[in-house]
Amino acid sequence: MPTAGSLALVGAVSTDRDPLLRAVLRALEEWYGRWRAAGGDAGACGLQETYAAGCATLGREVRAELPGGRAVVGEAVAVDGDGRLVLATGAGVQEPVGAGDIIHLRPARGSA
């Protein structure tokens, strides 16, 4: 449930932190092993695809506020192999963003 603020709100059978922490650490160990076995290639080990599948930002209109005061507005269309968010701007440019604050923009009233 995307709006849940706790495990209890999504109906978790248990909210004990110990098993949850152990499960997170096991998953982290597994992904780290896959990443190392692939020579640090996030695409080859499946990490990039798995991350993108769960990324709530992809497909949304965002504004990236970049260091130095520059901002880029566009649709978040991908996460590249270096972990940068790729924005498709109104000018038809795909711009990777490696550092900055990402603000999710709301659709204008009256638009679908």
C-alpha atoms as a PDB file:
ATOM      1  CA  MET A   1       0.000   0.000   0.000  1.00  0.00           C
ATOM      2  CA  PRO A   2       1.787   3.173  -1.175  1.00  0.00           C
ATOM      3  CA  THR A   3       0.266   5.436   1.486  1.00  0.00           C
ATOM      4  CA  ALA A   4       0.894   3.209   4.514  1.00  0.00           C
ATOM      5  CA  GLY A   5       2.996   4.749   7.243  1.00  0.00           C
ATOM      6  CA  SER A   6       3.573   1.565   9.202  1.00  0.00           C
ATOM      7  CA  LEU A   7       3.600  -2.205   8.910  1.00  0.00           C
ATOM      8  CA  ALA A   8       0.447  -2.359  11.034  1.00  0.00           C
ATOM      9  CA  LEU A   9      -1.420  -0.156   8.530  1.00  0.00           C
ATOM     10  CA  VAL A  10      -0.711  -2.624   5.715  1.00  0.00           C
ATOM     11  CA  GLY A  11      -1.862  -5.566   7.816  1.00  0.00           C
ATOM     12  CA  ALA A  12       1.505  -7.138   8.625  1.00  0.00           C
ATOM     13  CA  VAL A  13       1.217 -10.361  10.601  1.00  0.00           C
ATOM     14  CA  SER A  14       4.045  -9.228  12.860  1.00  0.00           C
ATOM     15  CA  THR A  15       5.488  -5.811  13.575  1.00  0.00           C
ATOM     16  CA  ASP A  16       8.491  -7.108  15.533  1.00  0.00           C
ATOM     17  CA  ARG A  17      11.548  -5.182  14.329  1.00  0.00           C
ATOM     18  CA  ASP A  18      14.036  -8.034  14.851  1.00  0.00           C
ATOM     19  CA  PRO A  19      12.732 -10.347  12.081  1.00  0.00           C
ATOM     20  CA  LEU A  20      12.233  -7.336   9.811  1.00  0.00           C
ATOM     21  CA  LEU A  21      15.826  -6.183  10.314  1.00  0.00           C
ATOM     22  CA  ARG A  22      17.121  -9.708   9.714  1.00  0.00           C
ATOM     23  CA  ALA A  23      15.122  -9.959   6.468  1.00  0.00           C
ATOM     24  CA  VAL A  24      16.414  -6.571   5.272  1.00  0.00           C
ATOM     25  CA  LEU A  25      20.005  -7.567   6.033  1.00  0.00           C
ATOM     26  CA  ARG A  26      19.595 -10.939   4.242  1.00  0.00           C
ATOM     27  CA  ALA A  27      18.200  -9.178   1.167  1.00  0.00           C
ATOM     28  CA  LEU A  28      21.013  -6.622   1.261  1.00  0.00           C
ATOM     29  CA  GLU A  29      23.588  -9.424   1.492  1.00  0.00           C
ATOM     30  CA  GLU A  30      21.990 -11.215  -1.478  1.00  0.00           C
ATOM     31  CA  TRP A  31      21.897  -8.093  -3.677  1.00  0.00           C
ATOM     32  CA  TYR A  32      25.457  -7.163  -2.694  1.00  0.00           C
ATOM     33  CA  GLY A  33      26.628 -10.650  -3.652  1.00  0.00           C
ATOM     34  CA  ARG A  34      24.867 -10.445  -7.018  1.00  0.00           C
ATOM     35  CA  TRP A  35      26.320  -6.980  -7.660  1.00  0.00           C
ATOM     36  CA  ARG A  36      29.864  -8.127  -6.797  1.00  0.00           C
ATOM     37  CA  ALA A  37      29.516 -11.268  -8.944  1.00  0.00           C
ATOM     38  CA  ALA A  38      28.518  -9.025 -11.876  1.00  0.00           C
ATOM     39  CA  GLY A  39      31.642  -6.906 -11.403  1.00  0.00           C
ATOM     40  CA  GLY A  40      29.680  -3.963  -9.991  1.00  0.00           C
ATOM     41  CA  ASP A  41      27.321  -3.818 -12.989  1.00  0.00           C
ATOM     42  CA  ALA A  42      23.864  -2.894 -11.649  1.00  0.00           C
ATOM     43  CA  GLY A  43      22.221  -3.789 -14.961  1.00  0.00           C
ATOM     44  CA  ALA A  44      23.811  -7.213 -15.322  1.00  0.00           C
ATOM     45  CA  CYS A  45      22.860  -8.341 -11.812  1.00  0.00           C
ATOM     46  CA  GLY A  46      19.237  -7.160 -12.096  1.00  0.00           C
ATOM     47  CA  LEU A  47      19.518  -4.466  -9.445  1.00  0.00           C
ATOM     48  CA  GLN A  48      18.852  -1.568 -11.810  1.00  0.00           C
ATOM     49  CA  GLU A  49      15.686  -3.169 -13.201  1.00  0.00           C
ATOM     50  CA  THR A  50      14.408  -4.173  -9.762  1.00  0.00           C
ATOM     51  CA  TYR A  51      15.017  -0.695  -8.371  1.00  0.00           C
ATOM     52  CA  ALA A  52      13.270   0.951 -11.332  1.00  0.00           C
ATOM     53  CA  ALA A  53      10.258  -1.368 -10.933  1.00  0.00           C
ATOM     54  CA  GLY A  54       9.702  -0.120  -7.375  1.00  0.00           C
ATOM     55  CA  CYS A  55      10.617   3.526  -7.946  1.00  0.00           C
ATOM     56  CA  ALA A  56       7.556   5.745  -7.337  1.00  0.00           C
ATOM     57  CA  THR A  57       9.259   8.678  -9.086  1.00  0.00           C
ATOM     58  CA  LEU A  58       9.488   7.109 -12.556  1.00  0.00           C
ATOM     59  CA  GLY A  59       6.697   8.230 -14.859  1.00  0.00           C
ATOM     60  CA  ARG A  60       6.036  11.376 -12.825  1.00  0.00           C
ATOM     61  CA  GLU A  61       6.640  15.023 -13.648  1.00  0.00           C
ATOM     62  CA  VAL A  62       9.388  16.348 -11.387  1.00  0.00           C
ATOM     63  CA  ARG A  63      11.601  19.352 -10.835  1.00  0.00           C
ATOM     64  CA  ALA A  64      15.252  18.674 -10.035  1.00  0.00           C
ATOM     65  CA  GLU A  65      16.801  21.488  -8.039  1.00  0.00           C
ATOM     66  CA  LEU A  66      20.490  21.149  -8.813  1.00  0.00           C
ATOM     67  CA  PRO A  67      23.579  22.435  -7.020  1.00  0.00           C
ATOM     68  CA  GLY A  68      24.374  25.983  -8.112  1.00  0.00           C
ATOM     69  CA  GLY A  69      20.724  27.048  -8.264  1.00  0.00           C
ATOM     70  CA  ARG A  70      19.827  25.509 -11.645  1.00  0.00           C
ATOM     71  CA  ALA A  71      16.571  23.558 -11.984  1.00  0.00           C
ATOM     72  CA  VAL A  72      15.402  21.037 -14.582  1.00  0.00           C
ATOM     73  CA  VAL A  73      11.741  20.097 -15.087  1.00  0.00           C
ATOM     74  CA  GLY A  74      10.691  16.958 -16.897  1.00  0.00           C
ATOM     75  CA  GLU A  75       9.270  13.463 -16.689  1.00  0.00           C
ATOM     76  CA  ALA A  76      11.377  10.969 -14.744  1.00  0.00           C
ATOM     77  CA  VAL A  77      11.830   8.247 -17.374  1.00  0.00           C
ATOM     78  CA  ALA A  78      14.675   6.026 -16.162  1.00  0.00           C
ATOM     79  CA  VAL A  79      17.455   5.338 -13.721  1.00  0.00           C
ATOM     80  CA  ASP A  80      20.718   4.875 -15.612  1.00  0.00           C
ATOM     81  CA  GLY A  81      23.576   2.459 -14.877  1.00  0.00           C
ATOM     82  CA  ASP A  82      25.276   5.055 -12.692  1.00  0.00           C
ATOM     83  CA  GLY A  83      22.168   5.448 -10.514  1.00  0.00           C
ATOM     84  CA  ARG A  84      21.223   8.838 -11.942  1.00  0.00           C
ATOM     85  CA  LEU A  85      17.594   9.801 -12.484  1.00  0.00           C
ATOM     86  CA  VAL A  86      16.990  10.546 -16.177  1.00  0.00           C
ATOM     87  CA  LEU A  87      14.558  13.362 -16.964  1.00  0.00           C
ATOM     88  CA  ALA A  88      12.902  13.875 -20.349  1.00  0.00           C
ATOM     89  CA  THR A  89      12.555  17.643 -20.636  1.00  0.00           C
ATOM     90  CA  GLY A  90      10.049  19.645 -22.673  1.00  0.00           C
ATOM     91  CA  ALA A  91      12.888  20.503 -25.067  1.00  0.00           C
ATOM     92  CA  GLY A  92      13.193  16.818 -26.007  1.00  0.00           C
ATOM     93  CA  VAL A  93      16.437  16.311 -24.111  1.00  0.00           C
ATOM     94  CA  GLN A  94      17.083  13.395 -21.773  1.00  0.00           C
ATOM     95  CA  GLU A  95      19.109  14.795 -18.896  1.00  0.00           C
ATOM     96  CA  PRO A  96      20.639  12.568 -16.209  1.00  0.00           C
ATOM     97  CA  VAL A  97      20.559  14.031 -12.698  1.00  0.00           C
ATOM     98  CA  GLY A  98      23.172  12.730 -10.280  1.00  0.00           C
ATOM     99  CA  ALA A  99      22.734  15.199  -7.419  1.00  0.00           C
ATOM    100  CA  GLY A 100      19.944  17.509  -6.392  1.00  0.00           C
ATOM    101  CA  ASP A 101      16.562  17.695  -4.726  1.00  0.00           C
ATOM    102  CA  ILE A 102      13.718  16.001  -6.620  1.00  0.00           C
ATOM    103  CA  ILE A 103      10.306  17.614  -6.172  1.00  0.00           C
ATOM    104  CA  HIS A 104       7.255  15.687  -7.380  1.00  0.00           C
ATOM    105  CA  LEU A 105       5.016  18.103  -9.281  1.00  0.00           C
ATOM    106  CA  ARG A 106       1.253  17.862  -9.231  1.00  0.00           C
ATOM    107  CA  PRO A 107      -0.651  17.865 -12.516  1.00  0.00           C
ATOM    108  CA  ALA A 108      -2.252  21.189 -13.394  1.00  0.00           C
ATOM    109  CA  ARG A 109      -5.958  21.403 -12.530  1.00  0.00           C
ATOM    110  CA  GLY A 110      -8.144  20.189 -15.360  1.00  0.00           C
ATOM    111  CA  SER A 111      -5.475  17.941 -16.899  1.00  0.00           C
ATOM    112  CA  ALA A 112      -5.792  14.201 -16.832  1.00  0.00           C
END
